[in-house]
Protein backbone atom coordinates (compact mmCIF):
# COMPACT_ATOMS: atom_id res chain seq x y z
CA MET A 1 -71.70 -168.99 -61.28
CA ILE A 2 -70.23 -168.81 -64.76
CA THR A 3 -70.24 -172.19 -66.49
CA ASN A 4 -69.39 -171.53 -70.12
CA TYR A 5 -65.77 -170.27 -69.84
CA PHE A 6 -63.25 -171.18 -72.53
CA SER A 7 -59.56 -170.45 -72.98
CA SER A 8 -59.04 -167.36 -75.16
CA ALA A 9 -56.30 -169.14 -77.10
CA VAL A 10 -57.88 -172.47 -78.07
CA ARG A 11 -61.47 -171.94 -76.97
CA LEU A 12 -61.47 -175.10 -74.80
CA PRO A 13 -63.13 -175.42 -71.41
CA THR A 14 -60.65 -174.57 -68.65
CA VAL A 15 -62.79 -174.86 -65.53
CA GLU A 16 -63.03 -178.16 -63.76
CA GLU A 17 -66.37 -179.31 -62.52
CA GLY A 18 -67.24 -177.72 -59.17
CA ASP A 19 -64.55 -174.98 -59.42
CA ARG A 20 -66.09 -171.56 -59.40
CA VAL A 21 -64.83 -168.65 -61.56
CA LEU A 22 -65.06 -165.08 -60.25
CA THR A 23 -64.83 -161.86 -62.22
CA ILE A 24 -63.00 -158.80 -60.88
CA ASP A 25 -66.27 -157.21 -59.75
CA GLU A 26 -67.44 -160.40 -58.06
CA LEU A 27 -64.13 -160.82 -56.26
CA ALA A 28 -64.15 -157.18 -55.10
CA GLN A 29 -67.75 -157.57 -53.86
CA GLN A 30 -66.97 -160.81 -52.03
CA PHE A 31 -64.11 -159.26 -50.03
CA ARG A 32 -65.58 -155.73 -49.93
CA VAL A 33 -62.54 -154.13 -51.55
CA SER A 34 -62.01 -151.92 -54.58
CA ARG A 35 -60.97 -153.01 -58.07
CA LYS A 36 -57.66 -151.25 -57.44
CA THR A 37 -57.05 -153.55 -54.47
CA VAL A 38 -57.74 -156.57 -56.67
CA SER A 39 -55.16 -155.27 -59.15
CA ARG A 40 -52.71 -154.90 -56.27
CA TRP A 41 -53.39 -158.54 -55.26
CA ARG A 42 -52.61 -159.65 -58.79
CA ARG A 43 -49.20 -158.01 -58.55
CA ARG A 44 -48.64 -159.88 -55.27
CA GLY A 45 -49.33 -163.25 -56.94
CA LEU A 46 -53.09 -163.76 -57.41
CA VAL A 47 -53.39 -165.74 -60.65
CA GLY A 48 -55.99 -164.55 -63.15
CA ARG A 49 -56.86 -165.99 -66.54
CA ARG A 50 -58.12 -164.36 -69.70
CA LEU A 51 -61.23 -166.39 -70.59
CA MET A 52 -63.95 -166.22 -73.22
CA CYS A 53 -67.41 -165.72 -71.80
CA ASP A 54 -70.29 -165.70 -74.29
CA GLY A 55 -67.98 -164.41 -77.00
CA HIS A 56 -66.35 -161.72 -74.81
CA LEU A 57 -62.83 -161.77 -73.43
CA LYS A 58 -62.76 -161.33 -69.63
CA VAL A 59 -60.40 -161.83 -66.72
CA GLY A 60 -61.51 -164.55 -64.32
CA PHE A 61 -60.17 -166.00 -61.08
CA LEU A 62 -60.61 -169.63 -60.10
CA GLN A 63 -61.95 -170.08 -56.59
CA SER A 64 -59.16 -172.53 -55.84
CA CYS A 65 -56.54 -169.90 -56.85
CA VAL A 66 -58.27 -167.26 -54.72
CA ASP A 67 -58.36 -169.56 -51.68
CA ARG A 68 -54.69 -170.39 -52.08
CA PHE A 69 -53.76 -166.68 -52.36
CA VAL A 70 -55.78 -165.81 -49.25
CA ALA A 71 -54.08 -168.58 -47.29
CA ASP A 72 -50.61 -167.39 -48.34
CA ASN A 73 -51.34 -163.68 -47.77
CA ALA A 74 -53.68 -163.67 -44.81
CA GLU A 75 -52.43 -160.45 -43.17
CA PRO A 76 -52.41 -158.20 -46.31
CA VAL A 77 -55.88 -159.46 -47.23
CA ARG A 78 -57.12 -158.78 -43.70
CA ARG A 79 -55.79 -155.20 -43.80
CA SER A 80 -57.38 -154.62 -47.20
CA THR A 81 -60.76 -155.86 -46.09
CA ARG A 82 -60.69 -153.53 -43.09
CA PHE A 83 -60.12 -150.49 -45.32
CA CYS A 84 -62.92 -148.01 -45.90
CA ARG A 85 -62.91 -144.66 -47.67
CA LEU A 86 -62.54 -141.41 -45.77
CA THR A 87 -65.61 -139.25 -45.48
CA ASP A 88 -65.51 -135.53 -46.20
CA GLU A 89 -65.80 -134.81 -42.47
CA GLU A 90 -62.80 -137.05 -41.73
CA ARG A 91 -60.70 -135.38 -44.42
CA GLN A 92 -61.56 -131.93 -43.06
CA HIS A 93 -60.69 -133.05 -39.53
CA ILE A 94 -57.29 -134.35 -40.73
CA VAL A 95 -56.53 -131.07 -42.49
CA GLU A 96 -57.52 -128.93 -39.49
CA ARG A 97 -55.50 -131.06 -37.07
CA ALA A 98 -52.46 -130.92 -39.38
CA ARG A 99 -52.70 -127.13 -39.58
CA LEU A 100 -52.78 -126.82 -35.79
CA LEU A 101 -49.74 -129.08 -35.43
CA VAL A 102 -47.84 -127.01 -38.02
CA GLN A 103 -48.57 -123.84 -36.03
CA ALA A 104 -47.30 -125.63 -32.92
CA GLY A 105 -43.95 -126.21 -34.67
CA GLU A 106 -44.23 -129.93 -35.40
CA GLY A 107 -42.42 -131.44 -38.40
CA ARG A 108 -44.16 -133.09 -41.33
CA THR A 109 -43.17 -136.63 -40.39
CA GLU A 110 -44.28 -136.17 -36.76
CA ILE A 111 -47.59 -134.64 -37.88
CA ILE A 112 -48.41 -137.57 -40.17
CA SER A 113 -47.51 -140.10 -37.46
CA ARG A 114 -49.63 -138.42 -34.79
CA ILE A 115 -52.68 -138.03 -37.03
CA ALA A 116 -52.38 -141.62 -38.30
CA LEU A 117 -52.29 -142.92 -34.72
CA ALA A 118 -55.25 -140.80 -33.62
CA ALA A 119 -57.37 -141.62 -36.69
CA ALA A 120 -56.41 -145.33 -36.80
CA ARG A 121 -55.33 -144.90 -40.41
CA SER A 122 -52.17 -145.75 -42.26
CA HIS A 123 -49.42 -143.19 -42.70
CA GLU A 124 -49.86 -143.39 -46.47
CA THR A 125 -53.56 -142.50 -46.17
CA ILE A 126 -52.80 -139.39 -44.12
CA ARG A 127 -49.92 -138.41 -46.40
CA TYR A 128 -52.08 -138.83 -49.52
CA THR A 129 -54.92 -136.79 -47.97
CA LEU A 130 -52.66 -133.88 -47.02
CA ASN A 131 -50.83 -133.90 -50.37
CA ARG A 132 -54.12 -133.89 -52.24
CA TYR A 133 -55.37 -130.93 -50.17
CA ASP A 134 -52.17 -128.96 -50.84
CA ARG A 135 -52.44 -129.56 -54.58
CA GLU A 136 -56.08 -128.49 -54.69
CA HIS A 137 -55.54 -125.46 -52.39
CA PRO A 138 -52.07 -124.06 -53.18
CA ASP A 139 -52.83 -120.71 -51.52
CA GLU A 140 -53.79 -122.43 -48.25
CA ALA A 141 -51.35 -125.35 -48.45
CA ILE A 142 -50.28 -126.91 -45.16
CA PHE A 143 -46.86 -127.86 -46.51
CA PRO A 144 -46.37 -125.32 -49.33
CA TYR A 145 -42.87 -126.50 -50.30
CA ASN A 146 -43.73 -130.17 -50.84
CA HIS A 147 -45.30 -129.65 -54.26
CA GLY A 148 -43.34 -128.26 -57.14
CA PRO A 149 -39.83 -126.86 -57.01
CA MET A 150 -38.91 -124.73 -54.02
CA PRO A 151 -37.99 -121.13 -54.97
CA SER A 152 -34.29 -120.37 -55.11
CA ASP A 153 -34.68 -117.51 -52.63
CA THR A 154 -36.23 -119.89 -50.10
CA LYS A 155 -33.38 -122.37 -50.54
CA ARG A 156 -30.81 -119.63 -49.96
CA GLN A 157 -32.76 -118.50 -46.90
CA ILE A 158 -32.56 -122.03 -45.47
CA VAL A 159 -28.78 -122.10 -45.96
CA GLU A 160 -28.34 -118.64 -44.42
CA GLU A 161 -30.45 -119.55 -41.40
CA HIS A 162 -28.41 -122.73 -40.92
CA GLN A 163 -25.17 -120.76 -41.12
CA ARG A 164 -26.48 -118.45 -38.39
CA GLY A 165 -26.84 -121.47 -36.11
CA GLU A 166 -30.40 -122.76 -36.62
CA ALA A 167 -30.54 -126.56 -36.34
CA VAL A 168 -31.58 -128.82 -39.20
CA ASP A 169 -34.59 -130.24 -37.32
CA ALA A 170 -35.83 -126.72 -36.55
CA LEU A 171 -35.55 -125.78 -40.23
CA ALA A 172 -37.42 -128.96 -41.16
CA ARG A 173 -40.32 -128.02 -38.90
CA ARG A 174 -40.30 -124.43 -40.07
CA PHE A 175 -40.37 -125.19 -43.81
CA GLY A 176 -42.41 -128.40 -43.67
CA GLN A 177 -39.56 -130.65 -44.83
CA THR A 178 -37.79 -133.70 -43.51
CA CYS A 179 -34.28 -133.40 -42.10
CA ARG A 180 -33.01 -135.29 -45.12
CA GLY A 181 -34.81 -132.85 -47.40
CA ILE A 182 -33.22 -129.85 -45.65
CA ARG A 183 -29.76 -131.37 -46.02
CA ARG A 184 -30.45 -132.07 -49.69
CA ILE A 185 -31.49 -128.44 -50.21
CA MET A 186 -28.31 -127.20 -48.54
CA ASP A 187 -26.24 -129.51 -50.73
CA GLU A 188 -28.01 -128.20 -53.84
CA VAL A 189 -27.33 -124.57 -52.91
CA ARG A 190 -23.72 -125.41 -52.08
CA ALA A 191 -23.26 -127.22 -55.40
CA ALA A 192 -24.82 -124.29 -57.28
CA ARG A 193 -22.35 -121.91 -55.67
CA ILE A 194 -19.47 -124.21 -56.55
CA MET A 195 -20.60 -124.27 -60.17
CA GLU A 196 -20.50 -120.44 -60.19
CA LEU A 197 -16.99 -120.14 -58.72
CA PRO A 198 -14.63 -118.14 -60.99
CA LEU A 199 -12.14 -120.92 -61.70
CA GLU A 200 -10.83 -119.56 -64.98
CA CYS A 201 -7.06 -119.79 -64.88
CA ILE A 202 -4.00 -119.29 -67.08
CA ASP A 203 -2.99 -122.81 -68.08
CA ASN A 204 0.70 -123.60 -67.99
CA GLU A 205 2.51 -126.40 -69.77
CA GLN A 206 4.45 -126.94 -66.54
CA PHE A 207 1.33 -128.07 -64.72
CA PRO A 208 2.00 -131.73 -63.85
CA LEU A 209 -0.10 -134.71 -64.71
CA ARG A 210 -1.41 -137.03 -62.01
CA SER A 211 1.63 -139.24 -62.37
CA SER A 212 4.05 -136.39 -61.57
CA GLU A 213 3.45 -135.98 -57.84
CA ALA A 214 6.93 -134.59 -57.25
CA ARG A 215 6.27 -131.66 -59.62
CA ALA A 216 2.91 -131.02 -57.96
CA ARG A 217 4.56 -130.87 -54.53
CA GLU A 218 7.10 -128.40 -55.90
CA ILE A 219 4.41 -126.07 -57.26
CA LEU A 220 2.25 -126.31 -54.13
CA GLY A 221 5.19 -125.98 -51.75
CA PRO A 222 6.33 -122.82 -49.97
CA PRO A 223 7.82 -119.96 -52.03
CA PRO A 224 11.60 -119.47 -52.17
CA GLU A 225 13.09 -117.59 -49.25
CA SER A 226 13.84 -113.89 -49.65
CA ASP A 227 15.48 -111.16 -47.63
CA LEU A 228 12.68 -108.69 -48.48
CA ALA A 229 10.33 -110.38 -46.04
CA ASN A 230 12.57 -109.42 -43.08
CA LYS A 231 13.55 -106.00 -44.41
CA LYS A 232 11.25 -103.26 -43.17
CA PRO A 233 10.66 -100.46 -45.69
CA ARG A 234 11.26 -96.86 -44.75
CA LEU A 235 7.95 -95.24 -43.94
CA PRO A 236 7.61 -91.62 -45.15
CA SER A 237 6.30 -89.18 -42.58
CA GLY A 238 2.89 -87.56 -42.76
CA LEU A 239 1.19 -90.33 -44.73
CA PRO A 240 -2.56 -90.98 -44.34
CA ALA A 241 -3.51 -94.14 -42.51
CA TYR A 242 -4.34 -96.08 -45.69
CA LEU A 243 -1.06 -95.28 -47.43
CA ALA A 244 0.92 -96.03 -44.27
CA SER A 245 -0.69 -99.47 -44.02
CA LEU A 246 0.58 -100.39 -47.49
CA TYR A 247 4.16 -100.34 -46.23
CA GLU A 248 3.37 -103.13 -43.73
CA VAL A 249 3.11 -105.67 -46.59
CA PRO A 250 6.51 -106.78 -47.95
CA LEU A 251 7.16 -106.73 -51.67
CA LEU A 252 7.66 -109.94 -53.67
CA THR A 253 10.85 -110.85 -55.46
CA ARG A 254 10.70 -112.04 -59.04
CA GLU A 255 11.10 -115.67 -57.93
CA GLU A 256 8.42 -115.38 -55.23
CA GLU A 257 6.08 -113.66 -57.66
CA ALA A 258 6.48 -116.39 -60.30
CA HIS A 259 5.95 -119.10 -57.67
CA GLN A 260 2.79 -117.47 -56.29
CA PHE A 261 1.23 -116.94 -59.73
CA ARG A 262 2.02 -120.51 -60.74
CA LYS A 263 0.58 -121.89 -57.50
CA MET A 264 -2.57 -119.77 -57.71
CA ASN A 265 -3.36 -120.88 -61.24
CA TYR A 266 -2.53 -124.52 -60.51
CA LEU A 267 -4.92 -124.56 -57.53
CA LYS A 268 -7.70 -123.17 -59.71
CA HIS A 269 -6.74 -125.65 -62.43
CA MET A 270 -7.15 -128.58 -60.01
CA ALA A 271 -10.42 -127.17 -58.64
CA ARG A 272 -11.82 -126.81 -62.15
CA LYS A 273 -10.86 -130.40 -63.02
CA LEU A 274 -12.61 -131.67 -59.89
CA ARG A 275 -15.67 -129.54 -60.58
CA ASP A 276 -16.01 -131.15 -64.00
CA THR A 277 -16.45 -134.51 -62.23
CA LEU A 278 -19.17 -133.19 -59.90
CA VAL A 279 -22.50 -134.92 -60.59
CA LEU A 280 -25.44 -132.80 -59.42
CA ASP A 281 -27.73 -135.81 -59.08
CA ARG A 282 -25.27 -137.57 -56.78
CA LEU A 283 -23.37 -134.99 -54.74
CA GLU A 284 -20.27 -136.00 -52.81
CA HIS A 285 -19.40 -133.95 -49.75
CA ARG A 286 -15.71 -134.83 -49.86
CA LEU A 287 -15.46 -133.67 -53.45
CA MET A 288 -17.21 -130.37 -52.70
CA ASP A 289 -15.01 -129.86 -49.63
CA ARG A 290 -11.88 -130.30 -51.70
CA ILE A 291 -13.06 -127.93 -54.45
CA GLU A 292 -13.88 -125.21 -51.91
CA ARG A 293 -10.56 -125.74 -50.12
CA LEU A 294 -8.56 -125.40 -53.35
CA TYR A 295 -10.47 -122.27 -54.35
CA GLY A 296 -9.98 -120.76 -50.90
CA GLU A 297 -6.22 -121.33 -51.09
CA SER A 298 -6.03 -119.76 -54.54
CA LEU A 299 -8.04 -116.75 -53.32
CA ALA A 300 -5.67 -116.27 -50.38
CA ILE A 301 -2.67 -116.23 -52.72
CA LYS A 302 -4.44 -113.76 -55.02
CA ASN A 303 -5.06 -111.40 -52.11
CA GLN A 304 -1.41 -111.68 -51.10
CA ILE A 305 -0.26 -110.71 -54.59
CA ILE A 306 -2.68 -107.77 -54.69
CA SER A 307 -1.60 -106.52 -51.26
CA ALA A 308 2.06 -106.63 -52.28
CA ASN A 309 1.39 -104.45 -55.36
CA LEU A 310 -0.92 -101.78 -53.92
CA ARG A 311 2.02 -99.40 -53.60
CA LEU A 312 2.45 -99.65 -57.36
CA VAL A 313 -1.07 -98.30 -57.84
CA VAL A 314 -0.33 -95.34 -55.57
CA SER A 315 2.85 -94.47 -57.44
CA ILE A 316 1.01 -94.49 -60.78
CA ALA A 317 -2.00 -92.57 -59.45
CA LYS A 318 0.26 -89.71 -58.27
CA ARG A 319 1.20 -88.98 -61.90
CA TYR A 320 -2.44 -88.25 -62.84
CA VAL A 321 -3.46 -86.19 -59.80
CA GLY A 322 -4.69 -82.71 -60.64
CA GLU A 323 -7.87 -80.78 -61.19
CA SER A 324 -9.06 -83.53 -63.52
CA ALA A 325 -9.18 -86.31 -60.90
CA GLU A 326 -8.96 -86.83 -57.14
CA PHE A 327 -6.11 -88.90 -55.74
CA PHE A 328 -8.05 -91.51 -53.78
CA GLU A 329 -10.57 -91.83 -56.59
CA LEU A 330 -7.69 -92.73 -58.89
CA VAL A 331 -6.29 -95.15 -56.32
CA SER A 332 -9.64 -96.93 -56.01
CA ASP A 333 -9.98 -97.20 -59.79
CA GLY A 334 -6.41 -98.43 -60.09
CA ASN A 335 -6.95 -101.12 -57.45
CA LEU A 336 -9.74 -102.59 -59.58
CA SER A 337 -7.41 -102.66 -62.58
CA LEU A 338 -4.78 -104.39 -60.45
CA MET A 339 -7.24 -107.13 -59.43
CA ARG A 340 -8.15 -107.80 -63.06
CA ALA A 341 -4.47 -107.84 -64.01
CA VAL A 342 -3.73 -110.56 -61.44
CA GLU A 343 -6.36 -112.76 -63.09
CA LYS A 344 -4.96 -112.22 -66.61
CA PHE A 345 -1.20 -112.32 -66.02
CA ASP A 346 0.65 -115.22 -67.68
CA VAL A 347 3.83 -115.93 -65.73
CA SER A 348 5.09 -118.42 -68.34
CA ARG A 349 5.97 -115.54 -70.73
CA GLY A 350 8.81 -114.48 -68.44
CA ASN A 351 7.66 -110.91 -67.81
CA VAL A 352 7.60 -109.17 -64.45
CA PHE A 353 4.10 -108.58 -63.13
CA SER A 354 4.75 -104.90 -62.34
CA THR A 355 5.30 -104.24 -66.06
CA TYR A 356 2.00 -105.86 -67.03
CA ALA A 357 0.11 -104.23 -64.13
CA THR A 358 1.46 -100.77 -64.98
CA TRP A 359 0.30 -101.13 -68.58
CA ALA A 360 -3.17 -102.30 -67.43
CA ILE A 361 -3.58 -99.44 -64.92
CA VAL A 362 -2.42 -96.73 -67.33
CA LYS A 363 -4.67 -98.07 -70.06
CA ASN A 364 -7.61 -98.04 -67.67
CA TYR A 365 -6.83 -94.45 -66.62
CA ALA A 366 -6.87 -93.42 -70.27
CA ARG A 367 -10.50 -94.55 -70.40
CA SER A 368 -11.73 -93.63 -66.93
CA ILE A 369 -10.24 -90.14 -66.41
CA PRO A 370 -12.14 -88.55 -69.35
CA VAL A 371 -15.32 -90.09 -67.96
CA MET A 372 -14.59 -88.58 -64.54
CA ILE A 373 -14.03 -85.16 -66.10
CA ARG A 374 -17.29 -85.30 -68.10
CA HIS A 375 -19.20 -86.43 -65.03
CA ARG A 376 -17.73 -83.66 -62.88
CA ASP A 377 -18.45 -80.99 -65.52
CA ARG A 378 -21.99 -82.21 -65.97
CA PHE A 379 -22.89 -82.29 -62.27
CA SER A 380 -20.67 -79.53 -60.90
CA THR A 381 -22.21 -76.76 -58.75
CA SER A 382 -21.09 -73.44 -57.35
CA HIS A 383 -20.54 -75.11 -54.00
CA SER A 384 -18.00 -77.47 -55.59
CA ASP A 385 -15.94 -74.46 -56.72
CA ILE A 386 -16.11 -72.97 -53.23
CA PHE A 387 -14.88 -76.22 -51.66
CA ARG A 388 -12.11 -76.52 -54.24
CA THR A 389 -10.79 -73.01 -53.51
CA THR A 390 -11.21 -73.08 -49.72
CA VAL A 391 -7.95 -72.59 -47.83
CA ASP A 392 -7.19 -75.37 -45.36
CA LEU A 393 -6.05 -73.66 -42.18
CA ARG A 394 -4.70 -76.35 -39.89
CA ALA A 395 -3.99 -75.79 -36.21
CA ASP A 396 -0.94 -77.11 -34.44
CA GLN A 397 -0.85 -80.39 -32.55
CA TYR A 398 -1.57 -78.84 -29.14
CA GLU A 399 -4.64 -77.00 -30.37
CA GLN A 400 -5.98 -80.13 -32.04
CA GLU A 401 -5.58 -82.19 -28.85
CA SER A 402 -7.21 -79.47 -26.74
CA ALA A 403 -10.14 -79.20 -29.15
CA GLN A 404 -10.55 -82.96 -29.17
CA LEU A 405 -10.59 -83.05 -25.36
CA ARG A 406 -13.27 -80.34 -25.25
CA ARG A 407 -15.37 -82.20 -27.79
CA GLU A 408 -15.15 -85.44 -25.80
CA THR A 409 -16.20 -83.60 -22.63
CA HIS A 410 -19.22 -82.04 -24.34
CA VAL A 411 -20.23 -85.35 -25.95
CA LYS A 412 -20.14 -87.11 -22.57
CA LYS A 413 -22.24 -84.28 -21.13
CA ILE A 414 -25.06 -84.51 -23.62
CA LEU A 415 -25.01 -88.32 -23.62
CA ARG A 416 -26.30 -88.20 -20.04
CA CYS A 417 -29.80 -87.52 -21.39
CA LEU A 418 -29.96 -91.07 -22.80
CA ASN A 419 -30.94 -94.17 -20.91
CA GLU A 420 -28.63 -97.18 -20.76
CA ARG A 421 -30.14 -98.92 -23.80
CA GLU A 422 -30.06 -95.82 -26.01
CA LEU A 423 -26.50 -95.06 -24.92
CA GLN A 424 -25.37 -98.58 -25.83
CA ILE A 425 -26.94 -98.34 -29.30
CA VAL A 426 -25.53 -94.87 -30.08
CA ALA A 427 -22.06 -95.84 -28.82
CA GLY A 428 -22.05 -98.99 -30.93
CA ARG A 429 -23.41 -97.35 -34.09
CA PHE A 430 -20.95 -94.42 -34.11
CA GLY A 431 -17.90 -96.02 -32.47
CA LEU A 432 -17.89 -93.83 -29.37
CA THR A 433 -16.14 -96.55 -27.37
CA ARG A 434 -12.36 -96.42 -27.66
CA GLY A 435 -10.90 -99.13 -29.84
CA GLN A 436 -14.26 -100.06 -31.37
CA ALA A 437 -15.21 -99.36 -34.97
CA PRO A 438 -18.75 -98.22 -35.85
CA LEU A 439 -21.19 -101.11 -36.21
CA THR A 440 -24.11 -101.54 -38.61
CA LEU A 441 -27.72 -101.75 -37.48
CA LYS A 442 -27.66 -105.49 -38.02
CA GLN A 443 -24.51 -105.98 -35.94
CA VAL A 444 -25.85 -103.91 -33.04
CA GLY A 445 -29.13 -105.84 -33.22
CA ALA A 446 -27.24 -109.14 -33.04
CA VAL A 447 -25.37 -107.97 -29.92
CA MET A 448 -28.53 -106.79 -28.16
CA GLY A 449 -30.75 -109.62 -29.39
CA VAL A 450 -33.34 -107.51 -31.23
CA SER A 451 -34.17 -106.83 -34.87
CA LYS A 452 -32.44 -104.31 -37.12
CA GLU A 453 -35.65 -102.27 -37.43
CA ARG A 454 -35.96 -101.97 -33.65
CA ILE A 455 -32.37 -100.68 -33.42
CA ARG A 456 -33.19 -98.10 -36.13
CA GLN A 457 -36.22 -96.87 -34.15
CA VAL A 458 -34.34 -96.52 -30.86
CA GLN A 459 -31.40 -94.84 -32.64
CA THR A 460 -33.66 -92.27 -34.32
CA ARG A 461 -35.34 -91.44 -31.01
CA ALA A 462 -31.97 -91.13 -29.26
CA LEU A 463 -30.53 -88.83 -31.93
CA VAL A 464 -33.56 -86.56 -31.75
CA GLU A 465 -33.06 -86.32 -27.99
CA LEU A 466 -29.34 -85.61 -28.44
CA ARG A 467 -30.01 -82.88 -30.98
CA LYS A 468 -32.56 -81.28 -28.67
CA THR A 469 -30.16 -81.41 -25.72
CA SER A 470 -27.27 -80.02 -27.77
CA GLU A 471 -29.42 -77.06 -28.86
CA GLU A 472 -30.41 -76.37 -25.27
CA GLU A 473 -26.81 -76.50 -24.14
CA ARG A 474 -25.75 -74.29 -27.07
CA PHE A 475 -23.43 -77.08 -28.02
CA GLU A 476 -23.09 -75.84 -31.60
CA ASP A 477 -21.06 -72.77 -30.54
CA ASP A 478 -18.63 -74.93 -28.61
CA LEU A 479 -18.06 -77.14 -31.63
CA ALA A 480 -16.72 -74.30 -33.75
CA SER A 481 -13.22 -75.65 -33.26
CA ALA A 482 -14.30 -78.88 -34.95
CA ARG A 483 -14.06 -77.09 -38.29
CA ASN A 484 -10.33 -77.72 -38.14
CA SER A 485 -11.19 -81.44 -38.44
CA PRO A 486 -13.72 -81.64 -41.30
CA ARG A 487 -13.90 -85.43 -41.23
CA GLU A 488 -15.03 -85.61 -37.59
CA HIS A 489 -17.41 -82.66 -38.02
CA ASP A 490 -19.06 -84.21 -41.08
CA THR A 491 -19.36 -87.60 -39.34
CA TRP A 492 -21.18 -86.08 -36.38
CA GLN A 493 -23.47 -83.94 -38.56
CA SER A 494 -24.45 -86.91 -40.75
CA ALA A 495 -25.02 -89.04 -37.66
CA THR A 496 -27.43 -86.55 -36.05
CA LYS A 497 -29.48 -85.78 -39.14
CA THR A 498 -31.60 -88.84 -39.79
CA GLY A 499 -30.04 -91.83 -38.05
CA GLY A 500 -30.28 -93.84 -41.26
CA ASP A 501 -28.58 -97.13 -42.02
CA GLN A 502 -24.90 -97.11 -42.93
């Protein structure tokens, strides 16, 4: 018992006769708790005094104050007195059990609850033990993504898996996160993509303020009616499939064009204003939904404008066709120039878009065509000259149909060497079924429920078998007529060489 305690302020006795004073160590020893627990009790209301003891300043607790605190907080004190430290064997057992539950597919919250119930420990004790193990053993961590920032690639993988249909709770178990944590990660990735959206627009003084709702409805309303939408253009005969498809899209009148450009830029203008109010620390789903919707509408209008002007690119590309450049190479390069021109065109200046787009495409050709010529001269071979001077001898329509029928008959004949699974993969990969376009390895794997690599292996084996069968059947001699259709011949030859990914 300490008897010579004085107040640290006035150095007067503060202990009444018969009232005992306990130090922190004495109080911890009396209740068999740690000093940290005593500090926690002080935050809960245990009154301590700073007293002078033999010339030294110490913290003391009156026995009467301790008794009163114990009476008011009986349950917390009882739980604290029952606590004992984990042994090394207990910690190892907790880690091993947690690892087994992770392999079984359990989530982090369920694992902590089950171990806490089995070990008769608090959830916080189990959580602290596992977190400490993960920090000390990062290469063998049980929950590797709970410490430090998760890699960006992993976050994108979570979003992609969710978009493919995997549930949030399954992702939480797989990546050692809570369902709330998975949703937060998906929101972060979504917000990052929104911040990277190309929302640069051509501002217009006619863009209304918030108070002018009537003007906003006028800009966002439907375009003015035109007779060009109902008028079908005259389709020239003998056009390739791509050029023929361009005539299916109606042209835009000057009024429609101005309306669409104004609407596209105003949608991006509103989306950019909303994005500026987006707070990354407090994401709002409604706000992100609206930004994505506005950007999607502006992108649809942009595609409509581009589609309506693709014929302009073709007409300009025809002027530069010759030995210096290929036609479709020029068309592809001009389409890129057209896309950039749509982004940069300012409708408020009163010009027609075709004038601006023509200038942009011609200017781009002035730069790109010399590059094409230098590249062709640098990497040209003798075979290129042979191909360039080869005469294209085309058969008539009847001969082409007869040759095609013979080819289909021979293909069906050699396909009999394949089993049902190989036949399904080859037919899907190379579009052998009528009305079906060729599919990628990934798409065929999704249909058959196997991985892309497995589809590649089966395809390679099937093509080797087809090549062997075609050699035995002397199929190459029968395909001589296919030379009249170089595109189909080259497609088949490339398909039967390696069976690589397309």
